C-alpha atoms as a PDB file:
ATOM      1  CA  MET A   1      -0.009   0.009   0.020  1.00  0.00           C
ATOM      2  CA  SER A   2       1.540   3.301  -1.070  1.00  0.00           C
ATOM      3  CA  TYR A   3       2.159   6.251   1.212  1.00  0.00           C
ATOM      4  CA  ALA A   4       0.023   8.479  -1.053  1.00  0.00           C
ATOM      5  CA  PHE A   5      -2.875   6.023  -0.811  1.00  0.00           C
ATOM      6  CA  LYS A   6      -2.685   5.973   3.017  1.00  0.00           C
ATOM      7  CA  ILE A   7      -2.620   9.782   3.199  1.00  0.00           C
ATOM      8  CA  SER A   8      -5.606  10.093   0.847  1.00  0.00           C
ATOM      9  CA  VAL A   9      -7.555   7.541   2.905  1.00  0.00           C
ATOM     10  CA  ILE A  10      -6.816   9.456   6.135  1.00  0.00           C
ATOM     11  CA  ILE A  11      -7.740  12.790   4.593  1.00  0.00           C
ATOM     12  CA  SER A  12     -10.949  11.264   3.264  1.00  0.00           C
ATOM     13  CA  ALA A  13     -11.766   9.963   6.726  1.00  0.00           C
ATOM     14  CA  TYR A  14     -11.398  13.412   8.279  1.00  0.00           C
ATOM     15  CA  ILE A  15     -13.602  14.923   5.562  1.00  0.00           C
ATOM     16  CA  ILE A  16     -16.219  12.235   6.165  1.00  0.00           C
ATOM     17  CA  VAL A  17     -16.350  12.718   9.940  1.00  0.00           C
ATOM     18  CA  SER A  18     -16.295  16.500   9.782  1.00  0.00           C
ATOM     19  CA  ILE A  19     -18.461  17.451   6.826  1.00  0.00           C
ATOM     20  CA  ILE A  20     -20.650  14.430   6.115  1.00  0.00           C
ATOM     21  CA  GLY A  21     -20.857  13.660   9.829  1.00  0.00           C
ATOM     22  CA  ALA A  22     -22.136  17.152  10.564  1.00  0.00           C
ATOM     23  CA  TYR A  23     -25.022  16.806   8.128  1.00  0.00           C
ATOM     24  CA  PHE A  24     -25.716  13.228   9.254  1.00  0.00           C
ATOM     25  CA  ILE A  25     -25.999  14.282  12.894  1.00  0.00           C
ATOM     26  CA  LYS A  26     -28.097  17.335  12.009  1.00  0.00           C
ATOM     27  CA  LEU A  27     -30.460  15.044  10.074  1.00  0.00           C
ATOM     28  CA  MET A  28     -30.679  12.628  12.998  1.00  0.00           C
ATOM     29  CA  LEU A  29     -31.460  15.411  15.491  1.00  0.00           C
ATOM     30  CA  ARG A  30     -33.854  17.390  13.289  1.00  0.00           C
ATOM     31  CA  ARG A  31     -36.973  15.762  14.747  1.00  0.00           C
ATOM     32  CA  TYR A  32     -35.984  16.796  18.285  1.00  0.00           C
ATOM     33  CA  GLU A  33     -34.923  20.409  17.625  1.00  0.00           C
ATOM     34  CA  LYS A  34     -38.360  21.894  18.011  1.00  0.00           C
ATOM     35  CA  ASP A  35     -38.601  20.565  21.580  1.00  0.00           C
ATOM     36  CA  ILE A  36     -35.294  22.080  22.661  1.00  0.00           C
ATOM     37  CA  GLU A  37     -34.698  25.616  23.717  1.00  0.00           C
ATOM     38  CA  THR A  38     -31.125  26.340  22.791  1.00  0.00           C
ATOM     39  CA  SER A  39     -28.813  28.593  24.692  1.00  0.00           C
ATOM     40  CA  GLY A  40     -25.302  29.686  23.952  1.00  0.00           C
ATOM     41  CA  LEU A  41     -23.747  30.528  20.631  1.00  0.00           C
ATOM     42  CA  LYS A  42     -25.662  29.828  17.464  1.00  0.00           C
ATOM     43  CA  GLY A  43     -23.979  27.028  15.540  1.00  0.00           C
ATOM     44  CA  ALA A  44     -21.617  26.170  18.374  1.00  0.00           C
ATOM     45  CA  GLY A  45     -23.079  22.695  18.702  1.00  0.00           C
ATOM     46  CA  MET A  46     -22.187  21.827  15.159  1.00  0.00           C
ATOM     47  CA  VAL A  47     -18.619  23.079  15.627  1.00  0.00           C
ATOM     48  CA  ILE A  48     -18.261  21.167  18.910  1.00  0.00           C
ATOM     49  CA  GLY A  49     -19.575  18.050  17.136  1.00  0.00           C
ATOM     50  CA  ILE A  50     -17.069  18.394  14.320  1.00  0.00           C
ATOM     51  CA  VAL A  51     -14.195  18.738  16.806  1.00  0.00           C
ATOM     52  CA  GLU A  52     -15.575  15.794  18.783  1.00  0.00           C
ATOM     53  CA  ARG A  53     -15.628  13.526  15.732  1.00  0.00           C
ATOM     54  CA  VAL A  54     -12.159  14.647  14.631  1.00  0.00           C
ATOM     55  CA  MET A  55     -10.833  13.809  18.102  1.00  0.00           C
ATOM     56  CA  VAL A  56     -12.607  10.392  18.156  1.00  0.00           C
ATOM     57  CA  LEU A  57     -11.256   9.535  14.691  1.00  0.00           C
ATOM     58  CA  THR A  58      -7.748  10.573  15.746  1.00  0.00           C
ATOM     59  CA  PHE A  59      -7.981   8.489  18.909  1.00  0.00           C
ATOM     60  CA  VAL A  60      -9.131   5.454  16.913  1.00  0.00           C
ATOM     61  CA  LEU A  61      -6.393   5.826  14.337  1.00  0.00           C
ATOM     62  CA  VAL A  62      -3.701   5.991  17.061  1.00  0.00           C
ATOM     63  CA  ASP A  63      -5.367   3.092  18.926  1.00  0.00           C
ATOM     64  CA  GLN A  64      -6.313   5.129  22.002  1.00  0.00           C
ATOM     65  CA  TYR A  65      -9.953   4.202  22.476  1.00  0.00           C
ATOM     66  CA  THR A  66      -9.982   4.994  26.183  1.00  0.00           C
ATOM     67  CA  ALA A  67      -9.099   8.622  25.411  1.00  0.00           C
ATOM     68  CA  ILE A  68     -12.613   9.023  24.026  1.00  0.00           C
ATOM     69  CA  THR A  69     -13.860   9.255  27.600  1.00  0.00           C
ATOM     70  CA  VAL A  70     -12.170  12.694  27.836  1.00  0.00           C
ATOM     71  CA  ILE A  71     -14.725  13.970  25.250  1.00  0.00           C
ATOM     72  CA  PHE A  72     -17.656  12.807  27.388  1.00  0.00           C
ATOM     73  CA  ALA A  73     -16.184  14.383  30.493  1.00  0.00           C
ATOM     74  CA  ALA A  74     -15.468  17.730  28.816  1.00  0.00           C
ATOM     75  CA  LYS A  75     -18.883  17.954  27.260  1.00  0.00           C
ATOM     76  CA  SER A  76     -20.655  16.958  30.470  1.00  0.00           C
ATOM     77  CA  ILE A  77     -18.792  19.605  32.466  1.00  0.00           C
ATOM     78  CA  ALA A  78     -19.549  22.299  29.919  1.00  0.00           C
ATOM     79  CA  ARG A  79     -23.277  21.443  29.799  1.00  0.00           C
ATOM     80  CA  PHE A  80     -23.749  20.448  33.485  1.00  0.00           C
ATOM     81  CA  ASN A  81     -26.500  22.986  34.264  1.00  0.00           C
ATOM     82  CA  GLU A  82     -28.363  22.417  30.996  1.00  0.00           C
ATOM     83  CA  LEU A  83     -28.471  18.658  31.644  1.00  0.00           C
ATOM     84  CA  LYS A  84     -30.902  19.151  34.511  1.00  0.00           C
ATOM     85  CA  ASP A  85     -33.640  19.614  31.865  1.00  0.00           C
ATOM     86  CA  ARG A  86     -34.611  16.102  30.800  1.00  0.00           C
ATOM     87  CA  LYS A  87     -35.401  17.012  27.204  1.00  0.00           C
ATOM     88  CA  MET A  88     -32.068  18.781  26.835  1.00  0.00           C
ATOM     89  CA  ALA A  89     -30.256  15.894  28.480  1.00  0.00           C
ATOM     90  CA  GLU A  90     -31.827  13.388  26.074  1.00  0.00           C
ATOM     91  CA  TYR A  91     -31.117  15.619  23.032  1.00  0.00           C
ATOM     92  CA  TYR A  92     -27.529  16.034  24.173  1.00  0.00           C
ATOM     93  CA  LEU A  93     -27.094  12.304  24.761  1.00  0.00           C
ATOM     94  CA  ILE A  94     -28.593  11.335  21.395  1.00  0.00           C
ATOM     95  CA  GLY A  95     -26.364  13.826  19.587  1.00  0.00           C
ATOM     96  CA  THR A  96     -23.241  12.833  21.436  1.00  0.00           C
ATOM     97  CA  LEU A  97     -23.766   9.072  21.092  1.00  0.00           C
ATOM     98  CA  VAL A  98     -24.683   9.284  17.399  1.00  0.00           C
ATOM     99  CA  SER A  99     -21.704  11.560  16.765  1.00  0.00           C
ATOM    100  CA  ILE A 100     -19.201   9.362  18.584  1.00  0.00           C
ATOM    101  CA  THR A 101     -20.607   6.189  17.084  1.00  0.00           C
ATOM    102  CA  PHE A 102     -20.358   7.677  13.581  1.00  0.00           C
ATOM    103  CA  ALA A 103     -16.739   8.672  14.133  1.00  0.00           C
ATOM    104  CA  LEU A 104     -15.887   5.308  15.751  1.00  0.00           C
ATOM    105  CA  LEU A 105     -17.326   3.395  12.811  1.00  0.00           C
ATOM    106  CA  VAL A 106     -15.466   5.535  10.262  1.00  0.00           C
ATOM    107  CA  GLY A 107     -12.269   5.142  12.314  1.00  0.00           C
ATOM    108  CA  ILE A 108     -12.573   1.396  12.654  1.00  0.00           C
ATOM    109  CA  VAL A 109     -13.167   0.997   8.910  1.00  0.00           C
ATOM    110  CA  ILE A 110     -10.253   3.282   8.012  1.00  0.00           C
ATOM    111  CA  ARG A 111      -7.987   1.543  10.513  1.00  0.00           C
ATOM    112  CA  ALA A 112      -8.982  -1.796   9.008  1.00  0.00           C
ATOM    113  CA  ILE A 113      -8.082  -0.514   5.535  1.00  0.00           C
ATOM    114  CA  LEU A 114      -4.739   0.898   6.684  1.00  0.00           C
ATOM    115  CA  VAL A 115      -3.608  -1.762   9.170  1.00  0.00           C
ATOM    116  CA  GLY A 116      -5.646  -4.735   8.087  1.00  0.00           C
ATOM    117  CA  GLY A 117      -8.246  -6.456  10.204  1.00  0.00           C
ATOM    118  CA  ILE A 118     -10.424  -4.984  12.922  1.00  0.00           C
END
């Protein structure tokens, strides 16, 4: 497997988790948006999700799955007060779990392509 091929696969993975992932998560959460009163910066959730998926992909590619827990901790601390509202907590959990699962699956597939096997 050539070095150029590996680089193109890795770049493609980051594009998939950042751009395609953002639209996929938005599509998954669309049905719940009307029930949620958002606070904070407009569009910040999407940016946070992109960074989250990039970090998860990076952790998978360097075989550091346990580091993914840092993402959960950081997001939970940042949204601690908002999570007292059940609807917001469920919306947050759905978005986070779908986002992390998406990035994990992409990472596992890419790692299998690059390293061989799962």
